[in-house]
Amino acid sequence: MSGFKSEIIYDHYKETFQQQVKYLSQRNKYFILLLGLGAVLFFQLTNLTSINNLIEGLIQSNVSDSITLEVAFIHSFLIFTILDLQ
């Protein structure tokens, strides 16, 4: 009986630890993503023209040459992304 009880406790501990490791890795990924988005938003606010030219260049080179986005749209998208991740 004692061996069965200790096996159940060990299985519970093992599963709990695996869930904790999964949660911590997901938390770290979200933290790095939020840090990156915050940095982009900060640089967009401090140096508006060069960051917007860089973002527009990335969008045009990866998506299409005919797409033009407003600065306010990019700024709003970054803010809503940060708020959604929190």
PDB file of N, CA and C in Angstrom:
ATOM      1  N   MET A   1       0.814  -1.190   0.000  1.00  0.00           N
ATOM      2  CA  MET A   1       0.000   0.000   0.000  1.00  0.00           C
ATOM      3  C   MET A   1       0.863   1.262   0.000  1.00  0.00           C
ATOM      4  N   SER A   2       1.912   1.246   0.767  1.00  0.00           N
ATOM      5  CA  SER A   2       2.782   2.418   0.846  1.00  0.00           C
ATOM      6  C   SER A   2       3.483   2.682  -0.479  1.00  0.00           C
ATOM      7  N   GLY A   3       3.879   1.606  -1.176  1.00  0.00           N
ATOM      8  CA  GLY A   3       4.534   1.774  -2.476  1.00  0.00           C
ATOM      9  C   GLY A   3       3.589   2.350  -3.516  1.00  0.00           C
ATOM     10  N   PHE A   4       2.325   1.962  -3.471  1.00  0.00           N
ATOM     11  CA  PHE A   4       1.321   2.470  -4.397  1.00  0.00           C
ATOM     12  C   PHE A   4       1.082   3.959  -4.160  1.00  0.00           C
ATOM     13  N   LYS A   5       1.002   4.333  -2.888  1.00  0.00           N
ATOM     14  CA  LYS A   5       0.768   5.742  -2.541  1.00  0.00           C
ATOM     15  C   LYS A   5       1.961   6.601  -2.952  1.00  0.00           C
ATOM     16  N   SER A   6       3.165   6.115  -2.729  1.00  0.00           N
ATOM     17  CA  SER A   6       4.339   6.899  -3.117  1.00  0.00           C
ATOM     18  C   SER A   6       4.457   6.991  -4.644  1.00  0.00           C
ATOM     19  N   GLU A   7       3.996   5.974  -5.374  1.00  0.00           N
ATOM     20  CA  GLU A   7       4.016   6.014  -6.834  1.00  0.00           C
ATOM     21  C   GLU A   7       3.029   7.066  -7.353  1.00  0.00           C
ATOM     22  N   ILE A   8       1.873   7.160  -6.719  1.00  0.00           N
ATOM     23  CA  ILE A   8       0.883   8.175  -7.100  1.00  0.00           C
ATOM     24  C   ILE A   8       1.431   9.579  -6.827  1.00  0.00           C
ATOM     25  N   ILE A   9       2.054   9.743  -5.672  1.00  0.00           N
ATOM     26  CA  ILE A   9       2.627  11.051  -5.329  1.00  0.00           C
ATOM     27  C   ILE A   9       3.744  11.402  -6.301  1.00  0.00           C
ATOM     28  N   TYR A  10       4.580  10.433  -6.666  1.00  0.00           N
ATOM     29  CA  TYR A  10       5.664  10.681  -7.614  1.00  0.00           C
ATOM     30  C   TYR A  10       5.110  11.061  -8.989  1.00  0.00           C
ATOM     31  N   ASP A  11       4.083  10.352  -9.463  1.00  0.00           N
ATOM     32  CA  ASP A  11       3.483  10.683 -10.754  1.00  0.00           C
ATOM     33  C   ASP A  11       2.886  12.083 -10.742  1.00  0.00           C
ATOM     34  N   HIS A  12       2.227  12.431  -9.636  1.00  0.00           N
ATOM     35  CA  HIS A  12       1.658  13.770  -9.517  1.00  0.00           C
ATOM     36  C   HIS A  12       2.767  14.826  -9.545  1.00  0.00           C
ATOM     37  N   TYR A  13       3.846  14.606  -8.841  1.00  0.00           N
ATOM     38  CA  TYR A  13       4.965  15.538  -8.813  1.00  0.00           C
ATOM     39  C   TYR A  13       5.570  15.676 -10.202  1.00  0.00           C
ATOM     40  N   LYS A  14       5.733  14.556 -10.907  1.00  0.00           N
ATOM     41  CA  LYS A  14       6.329  14.573 -12.232  1.00  0.00           C
ATOM     42  C   LYS A  14       5.464  15.366 -13.214  1.00  0.00           C
ATOM     43  N   GLU A  15       4.151  15.138 -13.187  1.00  0.00           N
ATOM     44  CA  GLU A  15       3.247  15.861 -14.073  1.00  0.00           C
ATOM     45  C   GLU A  15       3.190  17.349 -13.734  1.00  0.00           C
ATOM     46  N   THR A  16       3.188  17.662 -12.460  1.00  0.00           N
ATOM     47  CA  THR A  16       3.170  19.062 -12.034  1.00  0.00           C
ATOM     48  C   THR A  16       4.441  19.775 -12.461  1.00  0.00           C
ATOM     49  N   PHE A  17       5.568  19.114 -12.348  1.00  0.00           N
ATOM     50  CA  PHE A  17       6.833  19.714 -12.750  1.00  0.00           C
ATOM     51  C   PHE A  17       6.866  19.938 -14.251  1.00  0.00           C
ATOM     52  N   GLN A  18       6.352  19.010 -15.043  1.00  0.00           N
ATOM     53  CA  GLN A  18       6.314  19.178 -16.496  1.00  0.00           C
ATOM     54  C   GLN A  18       5.413  20.349 -16.879  1.00  0.00           C
ATOM     55  N   GLN A  19       4.296  20.492 -16.205  1.00  0.00           N
ATOM     56  CA  GLN A  19       3.415  21.626 -16.475  1.00  0.00           C
ATOM     57  C   GLN A  19       4.080  22.944 -16.096  1.00  0.00           C
ATOM     58  N   GLN A  20       4.817  22.951 -15.013  1.00  0.00           N
ATOM     59  CA  GLN A  20       5.515  24.154 -14.572  1.00  0.00           C
ATOM     60  C   GLN A  20       6.605  24.554 -15.569  1.00  0.00           C
ATOM     61  N   VAL A  21       7.341  23.591 -16.075  1.00  0.00           N
ATOM     62  CA  VAL A  21       8.386  23.874 -17.062  1.00  0.00           C
ATOM     63  C   VAL A  21       7.765  24.428 -18.342  1.00  0.00           C
ATOM     64  N   LYS A  22       6.645  23.855 -18.768  1.00  0.00           N
ATOM     65  CA  LYS A  22       5.945  24.342 -19.961  1.00  0.00           C
ATOM     66  C   LYS A  22       5.464  25.773 -19.755  1.00  0.00           C
ATOM     67  N   TYR A  23       4.881  26.048 -18.598  1.00  0.00           N
ATOM     68  CA  TYR A  23       4.403  27.389 -18.285  1.00  0.00           C
ATOM     69  C   TYR A  23       5.546  28.396 -18.258  1.00  0.00           C
ATOM     70  N   LEU A  24       6.662  28.037 -17.660  1.00  0.00           N
ATOM     71  CA  LEU A  24       7.798  28.959 -17.573  1.00  0.00           C
ATOM     72  C   LEU A  24       8.389  29.251 -18.945  1.00  0.00           C
ATOM     73  N   SER A  25       8.465  28.268 -19.809  1.00  0.00           N
ATOM     74  CA  SER A  25       9.001  28.526 -21.147  1.00  0.00           C
ATOM     75  C   SER A  25       8.060  29.418 -21.942  1.00  0.00           C
ATOM     76  N   GLN A  26       6.743  29.216 -21.778  1.00  0.00           N
ATOM     77  CA  GLN A  26       5.774  30.074 -22.451  1.00  0.00           C
ATOM     78  C   GLN A  26       5.839  31.500 -21.893  1.00  0.00           C
ATOM     79  N   ARG A  27       5.998  31.625 -20.587  1.00  0.00           N
ATOM     80  CA  ARG A  27       6.113  32.943 -19.964  1.00  0.00           C
ATOM     81  C   ARG A  27       7.349  33.676 -20.460  1.00  0.00           C
ATOM     82  N   ASN A  28       8.465  32.970 -20.582  1.00  0.00           N
ATOM     83  CA  ASN A  28       9.692  33.588 -21.069  1.00  0.00           C
ATOM     84  C   ASN A  28       9.550  34.041 -22.510  1.00  0.00           C
ATOM     85  N   LYS A  29       8.862  33.235 -23.326  1.00  0.00           N
ATOM     86  CA  LYS A  29       8.660  33.601 -24.724  1.00  0.00           C
ATOM     87  C   LYS A  29       7.810  34.866 -24.834  1.00  0.00           C
ATOM     88  N   TYR A  30       6.727  34.939 -24.046  1.00  0.00           N
ATOM     89  CA  TYR A  30       5.881  36.127 -24.069  1.00  0.00           C
ATOM     90  C   TYR A  30       6.614  37.351 -23.538  1.00  0.00           C
ATOM     91  N   PHE A  31       7.465  37.181 -22.544  1.00  0.00           N
ATOM     92  CA  PHE A  31       8.217  38.307 -22.005  1.00  0.00           C
ATOM     93  C   PHE A  31       9.169  38.869 -23.048  1.00  0.00           C
ATOM     94  N   ILE A  32       9.863  37.997 -23.766  1.00  0.00           N
ATOM     95  CA  ILE A  32      10.790  38.458 -24.800  1.00  0.00           C
ATOM     96  C   ILE A  32      10.023  39.142 -25.925  1.00  0.00           C
ATOM     97  N   LEU A  33       8.859  38.596 -26.292  1.00  0.00           N
ATOM     98  CA  LEU A  33       8.041  39.213 -27.323  1.00  0.00           C
ATOM     99  C   LEU A  33       7.560  40.599 -26.886  1.00  0.00           C
ATOM    100  N   LEU A  34       7.097  40.712 -25.646  1.00  0.00           N
ATOM    101  CA  LEU A  34       6.663  42.016 -25.135  1.00  0.00           C
ATOM    102  C   LEU A  34       7.817  43.007 -25.047  1.00  0.00           C
ATOM    103  N   LEU A  35       8.978  42.521 -24.672  1.00  0.00           N
ATOM    104  CA  LEU A  35      10.148  43.387 -24.608  1.00  0.00           C
ATOM    105  C   LEU A  35      10.508  43.907 -25.994  1.00  0.00           C
ATOM    106  N   GLY A  36      10.469  43.028 -26.988  1.00  0.00           N
ATOM    107  CA  GLY A  36      10.762  43.429 -28.365  1.00  0.00           C
ATOM    108  C   GLY A  36       9.742  44.419 -28.895  1.00  0.00           C
ATOM    109  N   LEU A  37       8.452  44.151 -28.655  1.00  0.00           N
ATOM    110  CA  LEU A  37       7.413  45.082 -29.111  1.00  0.00           C
ATOM    111  C   LEU A  37       7.521  46.426 -28.399  1.00  0.00           C
ATOM    112  N   GLY A  38       7.835  46.377 -27.119  1.00  0.00           N
ATOM    113  CA  GLY A  38       8.021  47.633 -26.381  1.00  0.00           C
ATOM    114  C   GLY A  38       9.199  48.431 -26.906  1.00  0.00           C
ATOM    115  N   ALA A  39      10.275  47.741 -27.279  1.00  0.00           N
ATOM    116  CA  ALA A  39      11.435  48.434 -27.839  1.00  0.00           C
ATOM    117  C   ALA A  39      11.096  49.070 -29.185  1.00  0.00           C
ATOM    118  N   VAL A  40      10.375  48.335 -30.023  1.00  0.00           N
ATOM    119  CA  VAL A  40       9.974  48.894 -31.320  1.00  0.00           C
ATOM    120  C   VAL A  40       9.071  50.093 -31.112  1.00  0.00           C
ATOM    121  N   LEU A  41       8.123  49.991 -30.195  1.00  0.00           N
ATOM    122  CA  LEU A  41       7.225  51.104 -29.907  1.00  0.00           C
ATOM    123  C   LEU A  41       7.990  52.299 -29.346  1.00  0.00           C
ATOM    124  N   PHE A  42       8.957  52.052 -28.480  1.00  0.00           N
ATOM    125  CA  PHE A  42       9.769  53.139 -27.929  1.00  0.00           C
ATOM    126  C   PHE A  42      10.574  53.832 -29.023  1.00  0.00           C
ATOM    127  N   PHE A  43      11.222  53.054 -29.889  1.00  0.00           N
ATOM    128  CA  PHE A  43      12.000  53.651 -30.970  1.00  0.00           C
ATOM    129  C   PHE A  43      11.097  54.345 -31.984  1.00  0.00           C
ATOM    130  N   GLN A  44       9.883  53.848 -32.147  1.00  0.00           N
ATOM    131  CA  GLN A  44       8.951  54.510 -33.047  1.00  0.00           C
ATOM    132  C   GLN A  44       8.539  55.863 -32.483  1.00  0.00           C
ATOM    133  N   LEU A  45       8.381  55.942 -31.171  1.00  0.00           N
ATOM    134  CA  LEU A  45       7.992  57.213 -30.566  1.00  0.00           C
ATOM    135  C   LEU A  45       9.135  58.217 -30.539  1.00  0.00           C
ATOM    136  N   THR A  46      10.360  57.741 -30.338  1.00  0.00           N
ATOM    137  CA  THR A  46      11.482  58.665 -30.222  1.00  0.00           C
ATOM    138  C   THR A  46      12.049  59.075 -31.574  1.00  0.00           C
ATOM    139  N   ASN A  47      12.083  58.169 -32.534  1.00  0.00           N
ATOM    140  CA  ASN A  47      12.656  58.469 -33.836  1.00  0.00           C
ATOM    141  C   ASN A  47      11.673  58.029 -34.903  1.00  0.00           C
ATOM    142  N   LEU A  48      10.624  58.815 -35.065  1.00  0.00           N
ATOM    143  CA  LEU A  48       9.461  58.416 -35.840  1.00  0.00           C
ATOM    144  C   LEU A  48       9.755  58.162 -37.314  1.00  0.00           C
ATOM    145  N   THR A  49      10.490  59.031 -37.954  1.00  0.00           N
ATOM    146  CA  THR A  49      10.648  58.910 -39.408  1.00  0.00           C
ATOM    147  C   THR A  49      11.515  57.719 -39.813  1.00  0.00           C
ATOM    148  N   SER A  50      12.620  57.516 -39.138  1.00  0.00           N
ATOM    149  CA  SER A  50      13.505  56.428 -39.565  1.00  0.00           C
ATOM    150  C   SER A  50      12.915  55.054 -39.281  1.00  0.00           C
ATOM    151  N   ILE A  51      12.239  54.877 -38.141  1.00  0.00           N
ATOM    152  CA  ILE A  51      11.607  53.593 -37.819  1.00  0.00           C
ATOM    153  C   ILE A  51      10.455  53.317 -38.766  1.00  0.00           C
ATOM    154  N   ASN A  52       9.665  54.343 -39.072  1.00  0.00           N
ATOM    155  CA  ASN A  52       8.552  54.139 -39.994  1.00  0.00           C
ATOM    156  C   ASN A  52       9.043  53.797 -41.390  1.00  0.00           C
ATOM    157  N   ASN A  53      10.132  54.419 -41.825  1.00  0.00           N
ATOM    158  CA  ASN A  53      10.713  54.060 -43.121  1.00  0.00           C
ATOM    159  C   ASN A  53      11.218  52.619 -43.106  1.00  0.00           C
ATOM    160  N   LEU A  54      11.811  52.211 -42.007  1.00  0.00           N
ATOM    161  CA  LEU A  54      12.296  50.838 -41.889  1.00  0.00           C
ATOM    162  C   LEU A  54      11.142  49.835 -41.905  1.00  0.00           C
ATOM    163  N   ILE A  55      10.080  50.101 -41.149  1.00  0.00           N
ATOM    164  CA  ILE A  55       8.926  49.207 -41.118  1.00  0.00           C
ATOM    165  C   ILE A  55       8.247  49.154 -42.481  1.00  0.00           C
ATOM    166  N   GLU A  56       8.069  50.297 -43.129  1.00  0.00           N
ATOM    167  CA  GLU A  56       7.455  50.318 -44.455  1.00  0.00           C
ATOM    168  C   GLU A  56       8.316  49.577 -45.473  1.00  0.00           C
ATOM    169  N   GLY A  57       9.633  49.710 -45.359  1.00  0.00           N
ATOM    170  CA  GLY A  57      10.526  48.972 -46.250  1.00  0.00           C
ATOM    171  C   GLY A  57      10.421  47.470 -46.053  1.00  0.00           C
ATOM    172  N   LEU A  58      10.325  47.033 -44.792  1.00  0.00           N
ATOM    173  CA  LEU A  58      10.157  45.604 -44.517  1.00  0.00           C
ATOM    174  C   LEU A  58       8.829  45.079 -45.050  1.00  0.00           C
ATOM    175  N   ILE A  59       7.776  45.864 -44.880  1.00  0.00           N
ATOM    176  CA  ILE A  59       6.461  45.438 -45.367  1.00  0.00           C
ATOM    177  C   ILE A  59       6.462  45.374 -46.888  1.00  0.00           C
ATOM    178  N   GLN A  60       7.028  46.379 -47.540  1.00  0.00           N
ATOM    179  CA  GLN A  60       7.032  46.392 -48.997  1.00  0.00           C
ATOM    180  C   GLN A  60       7.908  45.290 -49.579  1.00  0.00           C
ATOM    181  N   SER A  61       9.015  44.975 -48.927  1.00  0.00           N
ATOM    182  CA  SER A  61       9.890  43.935 -49.462  1.00  0.00           C
ATOM    183  C   SER A  61       9.337  42.536 -49.211  1.00  0.00           C
ATOM    184  N   ASN A  62       8.580  42.352 -48.132  1.00  0.00           N
ATOM    185  CA  ASN A  62       8.051  41.027 -47.810  1.00  0.00           C
ATOM    186  C   ASN A  62       6.633  40.781 -48.299  1.00  0.00           C
ATOM    187  N   VAL A  63       5.817  41.818 -48.401  1.00  0.00           N
ATOM    188  CA  VAL A  63       4.416  41.610 -48.754  1.00  0.00           C
ATOM    189  C   VAL A  63       4.151  42.034 -50.190  1.00  0.00           C
ATOM    190  N   SER A  64       4.209  43.307 -50.433  1.00  0.00           N
ATOM    191  CA  SER A  64       3.902  43.814 -51.769  1.00  0.00           C
ATOM    192  C   SER A  64       4.403  45.254 -51.871  1.00  0.00           C
ATOM    193  N   ASP A  65       4.700  45.663 -53.086  1.00  0.00           N
ATOM    194  CA  ASP A  65       5.148  47.039 -53.298  1.00  0.00           C
ATOM    195  C   ASP A  65       3.997  48.025 -53.328  1.00  0.00           C
ATOM    196  N   SER A  66       2.793  47.542 -53.568  1.00  0.00           N
ATOM    197  CA  SER A  66       1.655  48.445 -53.717  1.00  0.00           C
ATOM    198  C   SER A  66       0.965  48.780 -52.392  1.00  0.00           C
ATOM    199  N   ILE A  67       1.344  48.119 -51.305  1.00  0.00           N
ATOM    200  CA  ILE A  67       0.702  48.369 -50.014  1.00  0.00           C
ATOM    201  C   ILE A  67       1.387  49.544 -49.320  1.00  0.00           C
ATOM    202  N   THR A  68       0.582  50.507 -48.910  1.00  0.00           N
ATOM    203  CA  THR A  68       1.094  51.629 -48.115  1.00  0.00           C
ATOM    204  C   THR A  68       0.283  51.693 -46.825  1.00  0.00           C
ATOM    205  N   LEU A  69       0.971  51.805 -45.714  1.00  0.00           N
ATOM    206  CA  LEU A  69       0.316  51.865 -44.410  1.00  0.00           C
ATOM    207  C   LEU A  69       0.584  53.204 -43.760  1.00  0.00           C
ATOM    208  N   GLU A  70      -0.408  53.685 -43.070  1.00  0.00           N
ATOM    209  CA  GLU A  70      -0.253  54.924 -42.327  1.00  0.00           C
ATOM    210  C   GLU A  70       0.540  54.670 -41.044  1.00  0.00           C
ATOM    211  N   VAL A  71       1.211  55.702 -40.587  1.00  0.00           N
ATOM    212  CA  VAL A  71       2.002  55.616 -39.359  1.00  0.00           C
ATOM    213  C   VAL A  71       1.100  55.326 -38.167  1.00  0.00           C
ATOM    214  N   ALA A  72      -0.062  55.937 -38.135  1.00  0.00           N
ATOM    215  CA  ALA A  72      -0.984  55.738 -37.018  1.00  0.00           C
ATOM    216  C   ALA A  72      -1.460  54.288 -36.958  1.00  0.00           C
ATOM    217  N   PHE A  73      -1.641  53.647 -38.117  1.00  0.00           N
ATOM    218  CA  PHE A  73      -2.074  52.254 -38.139  1.00  0.00           C
ATOM    219  C   PHE A  73      -0.996  51.349 -37.541  1.00  0.00           C
ATOM    220  N   ILE A  74       0.251  51.552 -37.914  1.00  0.00           N
ATOM    221  CA  ILE A  74       1.355  50.743 -37.391  1.00  0.00           C
ATOM    222  C   ILE A  74       1.483  50.956 -35.884  1.00  0.00           C
ATOM    223  N   HIS A  75       1.391  52.190 -35.462  1.00  0.00           N
ATOM    224  CA  HIS A  75       1.478  52.521 -34.038  1.00  0.00           C
ATOM    225  C   HIS A  75       0.332  51.865 -33.260  1.00  0.00           C
ATOM    226  N   SER A  76      -0.885  51.953 -33.768  1.00  0.00           N
ATOM    227  CA  SER A  76      -2.046  51.337 -33.110  1.00  0.00           C
ATOM    228  C   SER A  76      -1.924  49.823 -33.075  1.00  0.00           C
ATOM    229  N   PHE A  77      -1.423  49.233 -34.157  1.00  0.00           N
ATOM    230  CA  PHE A  77      -1.247  47.793 -34.211  1.00  0.00           C
ATOM    231  C   PHE A  77      -0.267  47.330 -33.135  1.00  0.00           C
ATOM    232  N   LEU A  78       0.821  48.049 -32.954  1.00  0.00           N
ATOM    233  CA  LEU A  78       1.791  47.682 -31.920  1.00  0.00           C
ATOM    234  C   LEU A  78       1.194  47.807 -30.524  1.00  0.00           C
ATOM    235  N   ILE A  79       0.446  48.848 -30.282  1.00  0.00           N
ATOM    236  CA  ILE A  79      -0.157  49.041 -28.963  1.00  0.00           C
ATOM    237  C   ILE A  79      -1.182  47.945 -28.682  1.00  0.00           C
ATOM    238  N   PHE A  80      -2.036  47.638 -29.641  1.00  0.00           N
ATOM    239  CA  PHE A  80      -3.045  46.599 -29.431  1.00  0.00           C
ATOM    240  C   PHE A  80      -2.410  45.217 -29.283  1.00  0.00           C
ATOM    241  N   THR A  81      -1.301  44.979 -29.963  1.00  0.00           N
ATOM    242  CA  THR A  81      -0.605  43.706 -29.810  1.00  0.00           C
ATOM    243  C   THR A  81      -0.046  43.570 -28.394  1.00  0.00           C
ATOM    244  N   ILE A  82       0.532  44.637 -27.887  1.00  0.00           N
ATOM    245  CA  ILE A  82       1.058  44.601 -26.523  1.00  0.00           C
ATOM    246  C   ILE A  82      -0.075  44.420 -25.514  1.00  0.00           C
ATOM    247  N   LEU A  83      -1.181  45.122 -25.709  1.00  0.00           N
ATOM    248  CA  LEU A  83      -2.305  44.966 -24.783  1.00  0.00           C
ATOM    249  C   LEU A  83      -2.927  43.588 -24.857  1.00  0.00           C
ATOM    250  N   ASP A  84      -2.941  42.985 -26.034  1.00  0.00           N
ATOM    251  CA  ASP A  84      -3.499  41.646 -26.177  1.00  0.00           C
ATOM    252  C   ASP A  84      -2.624  40.597 -25.495  1.00  0.00           C
ATOM    253  N   LEU A  85      -1.329  40.775 -25.511  1.00  0.00           N
ATOM    254  CA  LEU A  85      -0.427  39.800 -24.905  1.00  0.00           C
ATOM    255  C   LEU A  85      -0.418  39.880 -23.387  1.00  0.00           C
ATOM    256  N   GLN A  86      -0.828  40.994 -22.844  1.00  0.00           N
ATOM    257  CA  GLN A  86      -0.855  41.115 -21.391  1.00  0.00           C
ATOM    258  C   GLN A  86      -2.072  40.463 -20.898  1.00  0.00           C
TER     259      GLN A  86
END
